[in-house]
Amino acid sequence: MSSNITIQRICQHCGKEFTARTTVTQYCGDACAKRAYKARQKAAKVETSNRQTKAIKEKPMEDLKAKAFLSVADTCQLLGISRWTLWRLIKRGELPAAKFGRSILIKRADIDSLFQLTPLEFPAESLDQDTFNPEDCYSLSEVQALYRISEKALHELIKRIGIPKYKQGIYAYVPKAHIRSLLGPQSDKETKTREL
């Protein structure tokens, strides 16, 4: 049964106004319908390609998560920390590691257990924003230089442990006492860094 309806619509492809015979017509003609179909096909291929690229990029990390034992390099990549930070964890006995010949292996379960520990106890003194003194704090860039920790790993530690952070202008500061409790004293390195 033919329809006598005439309705003004906007073409979903070219954006021009046209007279349609049905209320569901989307395109002004066959040419626009074909172009819109090709555009949808192209977008679907791009989306598929993007998903494949993302899967390829994430595969190494997924492979690391599936391993029962990790090397030092693998552990650093998984946690996003430097070798120095990892060695400090091992040296302090917070992360068990075993030596097999020339290789050091770390159990994945031990890495997971690091995040199940109770929060660290920090010194009782807490700086108030009103009484903030930069002399009692490190800037975030100073912490990165002193402890050789990546920016991402540092921000995750601050957030996870709940270390107070103070803003002054464009700089962010964290209390020295909290950082030393978490990452250990660095008096010699601190002196060298400040001399530079």
Foldseek 3Di string as FASTA:
>chain_A
DFAPDWDWDAAPQPRDIAIDRDPPDRHRDDVSVVVVVVVVVVVVVVVVVVVVVVCVVCVVLVVLLPDQKDFLVSVCVNLVWDSLQVVLCCVVVLFPWDDDPPTIIGGSVSVVVSLVDDADDFDPDDDDQVRDDCVQWDWLVLLCQQRVTDPVNVVVCCVSNVFDWYDDPPIIITGPRRSCSVRNDRVVSSVVVVVD
